[in-house]
């Protein structure tokens, strides 16, 4: 099966957000906890200031501030950084924007779609692909913890045939 992936910044952003915040149950739980802290700390401060201002100790403020800073960084700042990275990725590495995939029983070969010479490229045998994840609009191939190949579903000519190949690669 052959197809060309013209990855868009938004597809890259969605895949990276999923990988950072939802790819494992622990990451989903951590993201949920950070959002809960981000909402609970200001609400707790307001409620305590209104109903029990004398009950707040000196240690409450640094702990509340640290919790708020941690949750703001782990939810908002990381999402912002991933968004900026997605926006500038294709300016710094344009080869990622358009890649030709040759997917077959032995693995995947990736070549630059603009290049006429298909002998140069990168081959990933199926045994090197640690796992495959399907999200709403893409398939993600985890080659390592740091390297993810993103295949948007819109680039596939036959999604069911592609799924079948993924189920029985060899």
Protein backbone atom coordinates (compact mmCIF):
# COMPACT_ATOMS: atom_id res chain seq x y z
CA UNK A 1 0.00 0.00 0.00
CA UNK A 2 1.35 3.42 -0.92
CA UNK A 3 0.16 6.86 0.05
CA UNK A 4 1.53 10.33 0.61
CA UNK A 5 1.18 12.07 3.95
CA UNK A 6 1.00 15.85 3.84
CA UNK A 7 0.96 16.42 7.57
CA UNK A 8 -0.69 19.62 8.75
CA UNK A 9 0.38 21.53 11.89
CA UNK A 10 -2.97 20.91 13.58
CA UNK A 11 -2.68 17.14 13.04
CA UNK A 12 0.82 17.21 14.50
CA UNK A 13 -0.44 19.26 17.48
CA UNK A 14 -3.30 16.84 18.17
CA UNK A 15 -1.00 13.82 18.02
CA UNK A 16 1.56 15.40 20.35
CA UNK A 17 -1.14 16.47 22.82
CA UNK A 18 -2.53 12.94 22.83
CA UNK A 19 0.95 11.49 23.33
CA UNK A 20 1.72 13.92 26.18
CA UNK A 21 -1.61 13.83 28.03
CA UNK A 22 -3.67 10.78 27.06
CA UNK A 23 -1.53 7.94 25.68
CA UNK A 24 -1.55 5.97 28.95
CA UNK A 25 -3.97 5.77 31.89
CA UNK A 26 -1.33 7.37 34.15
CA UNK A 27 -0.94 10.34 31.81
CA UNK A 28 -4.73 10.77 31.63
CA UNK A 29 -4.94 10.64 35.43
CA UNK A 30 -2.10 13.13 35.81
CA UNK A 31 -3.75 15.51 33.34
CA UNK A 32 -7.08 15.21 35.12
CA UNK A 33 -5.41 15.86 38.51
CA UNK A 34 -3.55 18.91 37.17
CA UNK A 35 -6.79 20.39 35.81
CA UNK A 36 -8.53 19.67 39.11
CA UNK A 37 -5.76 21.42 41.06
CA UNK A 38 -5.79 24.34 38.63
CA UNK A 39 -9.49 24.86 39.31
CA UNK A 40 -9.56 23.89 42.99
CA UNK A 41 -6.74 26.09 44.31
CA UNK A 42 -8.22 29.48 43.35
CA UNK A 43 -11.68 28.33 44.41
CA UNK A 44 -10.33 27.14 47.78
CA UNK A 45 -8.48 30.41 48.34
CA UNK A 46 -11.61 32.45 47.61
CA UNK A 47 -13.83 30.28 49.82
CA UNK A 48 -11.34 30.36 52.71
CA UNK A 49 -10.82 34.12 52.40
CA UNK A 50 -14.57 34.67 52.53
CA UNK A 51 -15.55 32.19 55.25
CA UNK A 52 -12.42 31.67 57.38
CA UNK A 53 -9.79 34.34 56.76
CA UNK A 54 -8.23 33.85 60.20
CA UNK A 55 -7.82 30.10 59.70
CA UNK A 56 -5.26 30.45 56.91
CA UNK A 57 -1.76 29.74 58.17
CA UNK A 58 1.46 31.12 56.81
CA UNK A 59 2.21 27.72 55.20
CA UNK A 60 -1.02 27.70 53.23
CA UNK A 61 0.12 30.39 50.79
CA UNK A 62 3.38 28.83 49.55
CA UNK A 63 1.74 25.41 49.21
CA UNK A 64 -1.22 26.87 47.33
CA UNK A 65 1.08 28.89 45.09
CA UNK A 66 3.27 25.84 44.29
CA UNK A 67 0.22 23.72 43.51
CA UNK A 68 -1.17 26.43 41.26
CA UNK A 69 2.15 26.90 39.45
CA UNK A 70 2.59 23.15 38.94
CA UNK A 71 -0.88 22.68 37.57
CA UNK A 72 -0.66 25.75 35.34
CA UNK A 73 2.62 24.52 33.88
CA UNK A 74 1.52 20.91 33.41
CA UNK A 75 -1.76 21.88 31.74
CA UNK A 76 -1.56 25.28 30.09
CA UNK A 77 2.15 25.89 29.48
CA UNK A 78 2.83 22.46 27.99
CA UNK A 79 -0.17 22.78 25.66
CA UNK A 80 1.07 26.21 24.57
CA UNK A 81 4.59 24.86 23.94
CA UNK A 82 3.24 21.97 21.85
CA UNK A 83 1.12 24.39 19.83
CA UNK A 84 4.12 26.64 19.12
CA UNK A 85 6.25 23.64 18.21
CA UNK A 86 3.58 22.47 15.75
CA UNK A 87 3.37 25.92 14.19
CA UNK A 88 7.11 26.14 13.57
CA UNK A 89 7.96 22.48 12.92
CA UNK A 90 7.49 22.55 9.18
CA UNK A 91 9.53 25.73 8.80
CA UNK A 92 12.52 24.08 10.48
CA UNK A 93 12.03 20.61 8.97
CA UNK A 94 10.00 20.79 5.72
CA UNK A 95 10.63 17.11 4.86
CA UNK A 96 8.13 16.16 7.58
CA UNK A 97 5.34 17.97 5.79
CA UNK A 98 5.21 15.64 2.77
CA UNK A 99 6.33 12.02 3.07
CA UNK A 100 5.60 9.04 0.85
CA UNK A 101 4.79 5.85 2.75
CA UNK A 102 5.21 2.35 1.35
CA UNK A 103 3.51 0.02 3.84
CA UNK A 104 3.75 -3.72 3.32
CA UNK A 105 4.05 -7.00 5.22
CA UNK A 106 7.70 -6.45 6.20
CA UNK A 107 7.36 -2.86 7.45
CA UNK A 108 7.18 0.74 6.31
CA UNK A 109 9.50 2.69 4.06
CA UNK A 110 9.35 6.47 4.25
CA UNK A 111 10.73 8.65 1.48
CA UNK A 112 10.61 12.35 0.70
CA UNK A 113 7.58 12.83 -1.56
CA UNK A 114 9.35 15.65 -3.43
CA UNK A 115 12.39 13.50 -4.25
CA UNK A 116 12.37 11.44 -7.41
CA UNK A 117 14.86 8.93 -6.07
CA UNK A 118 12.94 6.50 -3.87
CA UNK A 119 16.03 4.46 -2.97
CA UNK A 120 16.88 6.99 -0.26
CA UNK A 121 14.58 6.73 2.67
CA UNK A 122 14.08 5.17 6.05
CA UNK A 123 12.79 1.64 6.53
CA UNK A 124 11.04 0.59 9.75
CA UNK A 125 10.44 -3.16 10.09
CA UNK A 126 7.32 -3.98 12.07
CA UNK A 127 9.42 -5.32 14.95
CA UNK A 128 10.83 -1.79 15.48
CA UNK A 129 7.35 -0.28 15.81
CA UNK A 130 6.65 -0.48 19.54
CA UNK A 131 2.94 0.16 19.20
CA UNK A 132 0.27 1.66 17.00
CA UNK A 133 -2.44 3.93 18.36
CA UNK A 134 -5.52 5.22 16.63
CA UNK A 135 -6.89 8.61 17.58
CA UNK A 136 -9.81 10.48 16.10
CA UNK A 137 -8.15 11.66 12.89
CA UNK A 138 -4.83 9.78 12.73
CA UNK A 139 -2.84 6.62 13.24
CA UNK A 140 0.27 6.99 15.41
CA UNK A 141 3.25 4.65 15.03
CA UNK A 142 5.53 4.71 18.06
CA UNK A 143 9.02 3.87 16.83
CA UNK A 144 10.42 4.89 20.23
CA UNK A 145 9.32 7.08 23.12
CA UNK A 146 10.67 10.09 21.26
CA UNK A 147 9.76 9.24 17.65
CA UNK A 148 6.21 9.03 16.44
CA UNK A 149 5.09 8.65 12.84
CA UNK A 150 1.74 10.34 12.22
CA UNK A 151 -0.54 9.11 9.44
CA UNK A 152 -3.69 11.23 9.09
CA UNK A 153 -6.70 9.16 8.09
CA UNK A 154 -7.56 11.66 5.34
CA UNK A 155 -4.37 10.59 3.49
CA UNK A 156 -5.42 6.95 3.25
CA UNK A 157 -7.22 5.76 0.15
CA UNK A 158 -8.58 2.65 1.86
CA UNK A 159 -8.74 2.90 5.65
CA UNK A 160 -10.19 -0.60 6.17
CA UNK A 161 -7.41 -2.20 4.08
CA UNK A 162 -4.86 -0.21 6.10
CA UNK A 163 -6.38 -1.45 9.39
CA UNK A 164 -6.30 -5.01 8.09
CA UNK A 165 -2.61 -4.65 7.23
CA UNK A 166 -1.93 -3.31 10.73
CA UNK A 167 -3.73 -6.27 12.35
CA UNK A 168 -1.75 -8.86 10.36
CA UNK A 169 1.50 -7.18 9.30
CA UNK A 170 3.61 -10.26 8.71
